[in-house]
Amino acid sequence: MTTFSEQFPIVFQALNVGFLQTLKLFFVTLIGALPLGLIISFGSMTKFKPVQWLTRFVVWVVRGTPLMIQLLIIYYFPGLVLHNPVWGGGEDGRFFAACVAFVFNYACYFSEIYRGGIQSIPKGQDEAGLVLGMTRGQIFFRVKLLQMIKRIVPPISNEVITLVKDTSLARIIALQEIIWAGQAFLKGSQGISGAIWPLFFTAVYYLAFTGVLTVLLGKLEKRLEFFR
């Protein structure tokens, strides 16, 4: 029976590896979902009705179903139904599948936030810009964009904090993120079994990460105060 002092370095290293995977999934999701969400929001606001209806239907489906179900479908559907296991069976394949699911899911949530932010800008600004000879693209990027960012930062911040915790759902397809690493010592890993305390340490990682993000996002909100 190993002692706590003997177990701690083993657990700490495993949790660090799992947390690195969690960080990678978090940042890939943000990098992919933020711009994709803006593109989707344009589709949901377009005057071309077929595209608008299709976009809004897809967003409704994604926002109305659990992310866990979407992960399972994206990872298993190609192999079990199409007989084309595009993701493969390794850790890299599971990570890529998780990234696809997370990026698309969060892009749909972000798209609704973007849409609300864009539509909250008075239409008079569009009319004034057109009178001054600006194109609609110039009006959006030079006049409306920063105002929109100021309005969407609080709801986007909430989604970002939620994303930190949602990364734990990736373990449903056996992606070895931090909770997977902590739970492994409960079941039996590296000579340690029946140890629940590593799971409590995973909470410390999440608390520290969300704490840093909360401070950074709070500073971003203050930087945008001049739009009040």
C-alpha atoms as a PDB file:
ATOM      1  CA  MET A   1       0.000   0.000   0.000  1.00  0.00           C
ATOM      2  CA  THR A   2       1.612   3.239  -1.140  1.00  0.00           C
ATOM      3  CA  THR A   3       1.485   6.291   1.082  1.00  0.00           C
ATOM      4  CA  PHE A   4       0.100   9.704   0.143  1.00  0.00           C
ATOM      5  CA  SER A   5       3.604  11.154  -0.183  1.00  0.00           C
ATOM      6  CA  GLU A   6       4.443   8.387  -2.673  1.00  0.00           C
ATOM      7  CA  GLN A   7       1.166   8.757  -4.567  1.00  0.00           C
ATOM      8  CA  PHE A   8       1.182  12.544  -4.872  1.00  0.00           C
ATOM      9  CA  PRO A   9       3.974  12.929  -7.509  1.00  0.00           C
ATOM     10  CA  ILE A  10       2.370  10.216  -9.653  1.00  0.00           C
ATOM     11  CA  VAL A  11      -1.085  11.793  -9.405  1.00  0.00           C
ATOM     12  CA  PHE A  12       0.237  15.319  -9.896  1.00  0.00           C
ATOM     13  CA  GLN A  13       2.000  14.373 -13.124  1.00  0.00           C
ATOM     14  CA  ALA A  14      -1.081  12.564 -14.470  1.00  0.00           C
ATOM     15  CA  LEU A  15      -3.321  15.522 -13.629  1.00  0.00           C
ATOM     16  CA  ASN A  16      -0.921  17.899 -15.363  1.00  0.00           C
ATOM     17  CA  VAL A  17      -1.054  15.785 -18.525  1.00  0.00           C
ATOM     18  CA  GLY A  18      -4.862  15.688 -18.353  1.00  0.00           C
ATOM     19  CA  PHE A  19      -5.063  19.418 -17.708  1.00  0.00           C
ATOM     20  CA  LEU A  20      -2.884  20.090 -20.741  1.00  0.00           C
ATOM     21  CA  GLN A  21      -5.396  18.180 -22.854  1.00  0.00           C
ATOM     22  CA  THR A  22      -8.201  20.224 -21.274  1.00  0.00           C
ATOM     23  CA  LEU A  23      -6.368  23.464 -22.095  1.00  0.00           C
ATOM     24  CA  LYS A  24      -5.802  22.390 -25.694  1.00  0.00           C
ATOM     25  CA  LEU A  25      -9.492  21.576 -26.154  1.00  0.00           C
ATOM     26  CA  PHE A  26     -10.486  24.884 -24.536  1.00  0.00           C
ATOM     27  CA  PHE A  27      -8.268  27.077 -26.717  1.00  0.00           C
ATOM     28  CA  VAL A  28      -8.987  25.213 -29.968  1.00  0.00           C
ATOM     29  CA  THR A  29     -12.711  25.597 -29.259  1.00  0.00           C
ATOM     30  CA  LEU A  30     -12.400  29.334 -28.647  1.00  0.00           C
ATOM     31  CA  ILE A  31     -10.178  29.931 -31.675  1.00  0.00           C
ATOM     32  CA  GLY A  32     -12.596  28.044 -33.916  1.00  0.00           C
ATOM     33  CA  ALA A  33     -15.962  28.975 -32.396  1.00  0.00           C
ATOM     34  CA  LEU A  34     -15.564  32.755 -32.090  1.00  0.00           C
ATOM     35  CA  PRO A  35     -15.129  33.475 -35.844  1.00  0.00           C
ATOM     36  CA  LEU A  36     -17.439  30.635 -36.917  1.00  0.00           C
ATOM     37  CA  GLY A  37     -20.147  31.989 -34.629  1.00  0.00           C
ATOM     38  CA  LEU A  38     -19.944  35.379 -36.369  1.00  0.00           C
ATOM     39  CA  ILE A  39     -20.322  33.708 -39.765  1.00  0.00           C
ATOM     40  CA  ILE A  40     -23.326  31.704 -38.536  1.00  0.00           C
ATOM     41  CA  SER A  41     -24.902  34.885 -37.133  1.00  0.00           C
ATOM     42  CA  PHE A  42     -24.686  36.479 -40.591  1.00  0.00           C
ATOM     43  CA  GLY A  43     -26.461  33.426 -41.993  1.00  0.00           C
ATOM     44  CA  SER A  44     -29.257  33.737 -39.421  1.00  0.00           C
ATOM     45  CA  MET A  45     -29.714  37.443 -40.258  1.00  0.00           C
ATOM     46  CA  THR A  46     -29.456  37.258 -44.041  1.00  0.00           C
ATOM     47  CA  LYS A  47     -32.424  38.423 -46.086  1.00  0.00           C
ATOM     48  CA  PHE A  48     -32.137  35.292 -48.245  1.00  0.00           C
ATOM     49  CA  LYS A  49     -34.837  33.274 -46.496  1.00  0.00           C
ATOM     50  CA  PRO A  50     -33.730  29.680 -47.334  1.00  0.00           C
ATOM     51  CA  VAL A  51     -30.282  30.319 -45.811  1.00  0.00           C
ATOM     52  CA  GLN A  52     -31.802  32.137 -42.841  1.00  0.00           C
ATOM     53  CA  TRP A  53     -34.278  29.315 -42.125  1.00  0.00           C
ATOM     54  CA  LEU A  54     -31.653  26.590 -42.521  1.00  0.00           C
ATOM     55  CA  THR A  55     -29.169  28.406 -40.296  1.00  0.00           C
ATOM     56  CA  ARG A  56     -31.719  29.072 -37.574  1.00  0.00           C
ATOM     57  CA  PHE A  57     -32.917  25.455 -37.708  1.00  0.00           C
ATOM     58  CA  VAL A  58     -29.363  24.128 -37.285  1.00  0.00           C
ATOM     59  CA  VAL A  59     -28.727  26.527 -34.395  1.00  0.00           C
ATOM     60  CA  TRP A  60     -32.019  25.464 -32.783  1.00  0.00           C
ATOM     61  CA  VAL A  61     -31.079  21.772 -33.021  1.00  0.00           C
ATOM     62  CA  VAL A  62     -27.556  22.290 -31.645  1.00  0.00           C
ATOM     63  CA  ARG A  63     -28.697  24.512 -28.770  1.00  0.00           C
ATOM     64  CA  GLY A  64     -31.627  22.226 -27.996  1.00  0.00           C
ATOM     65  CA  THR A  65     -29.688  18.972 -27.643  1.00  0.00           C
ATOM     66  CA  PRO A  66     -27.021  18.011 -25.087  1.00  0.00           C
ATOM     67  CA  LEU A  67     -23.397  18.488 -26.060  1.00  0.00           C
ATOM     68  CA  MET A  68     -22.726  14.963 -24.775  1.00  0.00           C
ATOM     69  CA  ILE A  69     -25.109  13.502 -27.386  1.00  0.00           C
ATOM     70  CA  GLN A  70     -23.446  15.576 -30.098  1.00  0.00           C
ATOM     71  CA  LEU A  71     -20.031  14.268 -29.039  1.00  0.00           C
ATOM     72  CA  LEU A  72     -21.208  10.663 -29.193  1.00  0.00           C
ATOM     73  CA  ILE A  73     -22.853  11.123 -32.607  1.00  0.00           C
ATOM     74  CA  ILE A  74     -19.894  12.951 -34.160  1.00  0.00           C
ATOM     75  CA  TYR A  75     -17.400  10.406 -32.873  1.00  0.00           C
ATOM     76  CA  TYR A  76     -19.306   7.143 -33.432  1.00  0.00           C
ATOM     77  CA  PHE A  77     -21.638   7.883 -36.372  1.00  0.00           C
ATOM     78  CA  PRO A  78     -19.013   7.736 -39.174  1.00  0.00           C
ATOM     79  CA  GLY A  79     -17.703   4.347 -38.056  1.00  0.00           C
ATOM     80  CA  LEU A  80     -20.910   2.615 -36.921  1.00  0.00           C
ATOM     81  CA  VAL A  81     -23.312   3.910 -39.578  1.00  0.00           C
ATOM     82  CA  LEU A  82     -21.185   4.986 -42.530  1.00  0.00           C
ATOM     83  CA  HIS A  83     -18.547   2.274 -41.892  1.00  0.00           C
ATOM     84  CA  ASN A  84     -15.870   4.926 -42.334  1.00  0.00           C
ATOM     85  CA  PRO A  85     -14.081   5.524 -39.004  1.00  0.00           C
ATOM     86  CA  VAL A  86     -12.661   8.889 -40.018  1.00  0.00           C
ATOM     87  CA  TRP A  87     -11.421   9.685 -36.518  1.00  0.00           C
ATOM     88  CA  GLY A  88      -9.466   6.498 -36.010  1.00  0.00           C
ATOM     89  CA  GLY A  89      -9.152   4.915 -32.592  1.00  0.00           C
ATOM     90  CA  GLY A  90      -6.252   6.827 -31.051  1.00  0.00           C
ATOM     91  CA  GLU A  91      -6.105   9.765 -28.684  1.00  0.00           C
ATOM     92  CA  ASP A  92      -5.466  12.187 -31.558  1.00  0.00           C
ATOM     93  CA  GLY A  93      -8.628  11.046 -33.322  1.00  0.00           C
ATOM     94  CA  ARG A  94     -10.717  11.430 -30.166  1.00  0.00           C
ATOM     95  CA  PHE A  95      -9.264  14.888 -29.606  1.00  0.00           C
ATOM     96  CA  PHE A  96     -10.033  15.986 -33.175  1.00  0.00           C
ATOM     97  CA  ALA A  97     -13.607  14.677 -32.923  1.00  0.00           C
ATOM     98  CA  ALA A  98     -14.067  16.491 -29.610  1.00  0.00           C
ATOM     99  CA  CYS A  99     -12.754  19.710 -31.168  1.00  0.00           C
ATOM    100  CA  VAL A 100     -15.232  19.467 -34.054  1.00  0.00           C
ATOM    101  CA  ALA A 101     -18.143  18.902 -31.670  1.00  0.00           C
ATOM    102  CA  PHE A 102     -17.131  21.671 -29.266  1.00  0.00           C
ATOM    103  CA  VAL A 103     -16.351  24.239 -31.966  1.00  0.00           C
ATOM    104  CA  PHE A 104     -19.665  23.749 -33.752  1.00  0.00           C
ATOM    105  CA  ASN A 105     -21.680  23.647 -30.518  1.00  0.00           C
ATOM    106  CA  TYR A 106     -20.172  26.815 -29.083  1.00  0.00           C
ATOM    107  CA  ALA A 107     -20.229  28.584 -32.454  1.00  0.00           C
ATOM    108  CA  CYS A 108     -24.017  28.178 -32.464  1.00  0.00           C
ATOM    109  CA  TYR A 109     -24.289  29.649 -28.968  1.00  0.00           C
ATOM    110  CA  PHE A 110     -21.931  32.498 -29.849  1.00  0.00           C
ATOM    111  CA  SER A 111     -23.905  33.190 -33.051  1.00  0.00           C
ATOM    112  CA  GLU A 112     -27.018  34.048 -31.048  1.00  0.00           C
ATOM    113  CA  ILE A 113     -24.986  36.362 -28.815  1.00  0.00           C
ATOM    114  CA  TYR A 114     -23.494  38.043 -31.880  1.00  0.00           C
ATOM    115  CA  ARG A 115     -26.928  38.369 -33.472  1.00  0.00           C
ATOM    116  CA  GLY A 116     -28.353  40.011 -30.366  1.00  0.00           C
ATOM    117  CA  GLY A 117     -25.391  42.377 -30.164  1.00  0.00           C
ATOM    118  CA  ILE A 118     -25.568  43.393 -33.820  1.00  0.00           C
ATOM    119  CA  GLN A 119     -29.315  43.896 -33.798  1.00  0.00           C
ATOM    120  CA  SER A 120     -29.097  46.011 -30.638  1.00  0.00           C
ATOM    121  CA  ILE A 121     -27.162  48.730 -32.503  1.00  0.00           C
ATOM    122  CA  PRO A 122     -29.590  51.476 -33.651  1.00  0.00           C
ATOM    123  CA  LYS A 123     -30.395  51.274 -37.365  1.00  0.00           C
ATOM    124  CA  GLY A 124     -29.865  55.002 -37.613  1.00  0.00           C
ATOM    125  CA  GLN A 125     -26.117  54.344 -37.591  1.00  0.00           C
ATOM    126  CA  ASP A 126     -26.431  52.307 -40.792  1.00  0.00           C
ATOM    127  CA  GLU A 127     -28.428  55.066 -42.433  1.00  0.00           C
ATOM    128  CA  ALA A 128     -25.933  57.732 -41.335  1.00  0.00           C
ATOM    129  CA  GLY A 129     -23.035  55.678 -42.663  1.00  0.00           C
ATOM    130  CA  LEU A 130     -24.719  55.158 -46.031  1.00  0.00           C
ATOM    131  CA  VAL A 131     -25.389  58.885 -46.297  1.00  0.00           C
ATOM    132  CA  LEU A 132     -21.668  59.501 -45.715  1.00  0.00           C
ATOM    133  CA  GLY A 133     -20.836  57.149 -48.576  1.00  0.00           C
ATOM    134  CA  MET A 134     -19.633  54.190 -46.483  1.00  0.00           C
ATOM    135  CA  THR A 135     -20.235  50.623 -47.597  1.00  0.00           C
ATOM    136  CA  ARG A 136     -22.111  48.227 -45.317  1.00  0.00           C
ATOM    137  CA  GLY A 137     -18.832  46.426 -44.623  1.00  0.00           C
ATOM    138  CA  GLN A 138     -17.182  49.682 -43.558  1.00  0.00           C
ATOM    139  CA  ILE A 139     -20.155  50.558 -41.370  1.00  0.00           C
ATOM    140  CA  PHE A 140     -19.953  47.189 -39.620  1.00  0.00           C
ATOM    141  CA  PHE A 141     -16.199  47.111 -39.018  1.00  0.00           C
ATOM    142  CA  ARG A 142     -15.592  50.816 -38.344  1.00  0.00           C
ATOM    143  CA  VAL A 143     -18.783  51.872 -36.575  1.00  0.00           C
ATOM    144  CA  LYS A 144     -20.727  48.928 -35.168  1.00  0.00           C
ATOM    145  CA  LEU A 145     -18.119  46.291 -34.342  1.00  0.00           C
ATOM    146  CA  LEU A 146     -16.605  47.816 -31.193  1.00  0.00           C
ATOM    147  CA  GLN A 147     -20.043  48.799 -29.892  1.00  0.00           C
ATOM    148  CA  MET A 148     -21.209  45.239 -30.454  1.00  0.00           C
ATOM    149  CA  ILE A 149     -18.147  43.825 -28.664  1.00  0.00           C
ATOM    150  CA  LYS A 150     -18.887  45.987 -25.612  1.00  0.00           C
ATOM    151  CA  ARG A 151     -22.427  44.589 -25.440  1.00  0.00           C
ATOM    152  CA  ILE A 152     -21.550  40.951 -25.991  1.00  0.00           C
ATOM    153  CA  VAL A 153     -18.539  40.648 -23.671  1.00  0.00           C
ATOM    154  CA  PRO A 154     -20.621  39.765 -20.533  1.00  0.00           C
ATOM    155  CA  PRO A 155     -22.629  36.933 -22.168  1.00  0.00           C
ATOM    156  CA  ILE A 156     -19.554  35.705 -24.063  1.00  0.00           C
ATOM    157  CA  SER A 157     -17.662  35.668 -20.753  1.00  0.00           C
ATOM    158  CA  ASN A 158     -20.332  33.431 -19.221  1.00  0.00           C
ATOM    159  CA  GLU A 159     -20.057  31.022 -22.146  1.00  0.00           C
ATOM    160  CA  VAL A 160     -16.262  30.979 -21.872  1.00  0.00           C
ATOM    161  CA  ILE A 161     -16.450  30.052 -18.178  1.00  0.00           C
ATOM    162  CA  THR A 162     -19.012  27.360 -19.015  1.00  0.00           C
ATOM    163  CA  LEU A 163     -16.679  26.024 -21.710  1.00  0.00           C
ATOM    164  CA  VAL A 164     -13.946  25.435 -19.119  1.00  0.00           C
ATOM    165  CA  LYS A 165     -16.257  23.046 -17.252  1.00  0.00           C
ATOM    166  CA  ASP A 166     -17.850  21.547 -20.364  1.00  0.00           C
ATOM    167  CA  THR A 167     -14.469  20.235 -21.527  1.00  0.00           C
ATOM    168  CA  SER A 168     -14.973  17.475 -18.940  1.00  0.00           C
ATOM    169  CA  LEU A 169     -17.735  16.046 -21.166  1.00  0.00           C
ATOM    170  CA  ALA A 170     -15.070  14.916 -23.647  1.00  0.00           C
ATOM    171  CA  ARG A 171     -14.333  11.940 -21.413  1.00  0.00           C
ATOM    172  CA  ILE A 172     -17.553  10.365 -22.759  1.00  0.00           C
ATOM    173  CA  ILE A 173     -15.542   9.435 -25.878  1.00  0.00           C
ATOM    174  CA  ALA A 174     -12.547   8.431 -23.723  1.00  0.00           C
ATOM    175  CA  LEU A 175     -10.557  11.612 -24.282  1.00  0.00           C
ATOM    176  CA  GLN A 176      -8.060  11.657 -21.448  1.00  0.00           C
ATOM    177  CA  GLU A 177      -8.701  15.130 -20.049  1.00  0.00           C
ATOM    178  CA  ILE A 178      -8.154  16.066 -16.407  1.00  0.00           C
ATOM    179  CA  ILE A 179     -11.231  14.409 -14.864  1.00  0.00           C
ATOM    180  CA  TRP A 180     -10.461  11.213 -16.789  1.00  0.00           C
ATOM    181  CA  ALA A 181      -6.970  11.355 -15.279  1.00  0.00           C
ATOM    182  CA  GLY A 182      -8.300  11.892 -11.755  1.00  0.00           C
ATOM    183  CA  GLN A 183     -10.973   9.205 -12.028  1.00  0.00           C
ATOM    184  CA  ALA A 184      -8.423   6.683 -13.285  1.00  0.00           C
ATOM    185  CA  PHE A 185      -6.901   6.496  -9.772  1.00  0.00           C
ATOM    186  CA  LEU A 186     -10.313   5.606  -8.370  1.00  0.00           C
ATOM    187  CA  LYS A 187     -10.600   2.643 -10.736  1.00  0.00           C
ATOM    188  CA  GLY A 188      -6.936   1.688 -10.716  1.00  0.00           C
ATOM    189  CA  SER A 189      -3.974   3.321 -12.442  1.00  0.00           C
ATOM    190  CA  GLN A 190      -0.185   3.186 -12.029  1.00  0.00           C
ATOM    191  CA  GLY A 191      -0.461   1.011  -8.930  1.00  0.00           C
ATOM    192  CA  ILE A 192      -3.040   3.282  -7.245  1.00  0.00           C
ATOM    193  CA  SER A 193      -6.680   2.282  -6.817  1.00  0.00           C
ATOM    194  CA  GLY A 194      -9.607   3.356  -4.667  1.00  0.00           C
ATOM    195  CA  ALA A 195      -8.161   6.879  -4.296  1.00  0.00           C
ATOM    196  CA  ILE A 196     -10.838   9.553  -4.501  1.00  0.00           C
ATOM    197  CA  TRP A 197      -8.685  12.485  -3.430  1.00  0.00           C
ATOM    198  CA  PRO A 198      -7.265  13.080  -6.950  1.00  0.00           C
ATOM    199  CA  LEU A 199     -10.788  14.072  -8.050  1.00  0.00           C
ATOM    200  CA  PHE A 200     -10.804  16.866  -5.467  1.00  0.00           C
ATOM    201  CA  PHE A 201      -7.523  18.121  -6.890  1.00  0.00           C
ATOM    202  CA  THR A 202      -9.100  18.337 -10.355  1.00  0.00           C
ATOM    203  CA  ALA A 203     -11.542  20.862  -8.875  1.00  0.00           C
ATOM    204  CA  VAL A 204      -8.582  22.997  -7.795  1.00  0.00           C
ATOM    205  CA  TYR A 205      -7.338  23.101 -11.396  1.00  0.00           C
ATOM    206  CA  TYR A 206     -10.769  24.214 -12.633  1.00  0.00           C
ATOM    207  CA  LEU A 207     -11.109  26.837  -9.891  1.00  0.00           C
ATOM    208  CA  ALA A 208      -7.669  28.282 -10.625  1.00  0.00           C
ATOM    209  CA  PHE A 209      -8.289  28.398 -14.379  1.00  0.00           C
ATOM    210  CA  THR A 210     -11.747  29.963 -14.094  1.00  0.00           C
ATOM    211  CA  GLY A 211     -10.354  32.433 -11.565  1.00  0.00           C
ATOM    212  CA  VAL A 212      -7.692  33.630 -14.003  1.00  0.00           C
ATOM    213  CA  LEU A 213     -10.255  33.874 -16.820  1.00  0.00           C
ATOM    214  CA  THR A 214     -12.683  35.817 -14.612  1.00  0.00           C
ATOM    215  CA  VAL A 215      -9.995  38.398 -13.815  1.00  0.00           C
ATOM    216  CA  LEU A 216      -8.919  38.734 -17.462  1.00  0.00           C
ATOM    217  CA  LEU A 217     -12.481  39.029 -18.773  1.00  0.00           C
ATOM    218  CA  GLY A 218     -13.299  41.545 -16.045  1.00  0.00           C
ATOM    219  CA  LYS A 219     -10.363  43.687 -17.174  1.00  0.00           C
ATOM    220  CA  LEU A 220     -11.580  43.431 -20.770  1.00  0.00           C
ATOM    221  CA  GLU A 221     -15.001  44.733 -19.725  1.00  0.00           C
ATOM    222  CA  LYS A 222     -13.387  47.699 -17.968  1.00  0.00           C
ATOM    223  CA  ARG A 223     -11.310  48.486 -21.060  1.00  0.00           C
ATOM    224  CA  LEU A 224     -14.563  48.792 -23.017  1.00  0.00           C
ATOM    225  CA  GLU A 225     -16.273  51.072 -20.492  1.00  0.00           C
ATOM    226  CA  PHE A 226     -15.805  54.113 -22.746  1.00  0.00           C
ATOM    227  CA  PHE A 227     -18.701  52.912 -24.912  1.00  0.00           C
ATOM    228  CA  ARG A 228     -21.215  53.563 -22.115  1.00  0.00           C
END
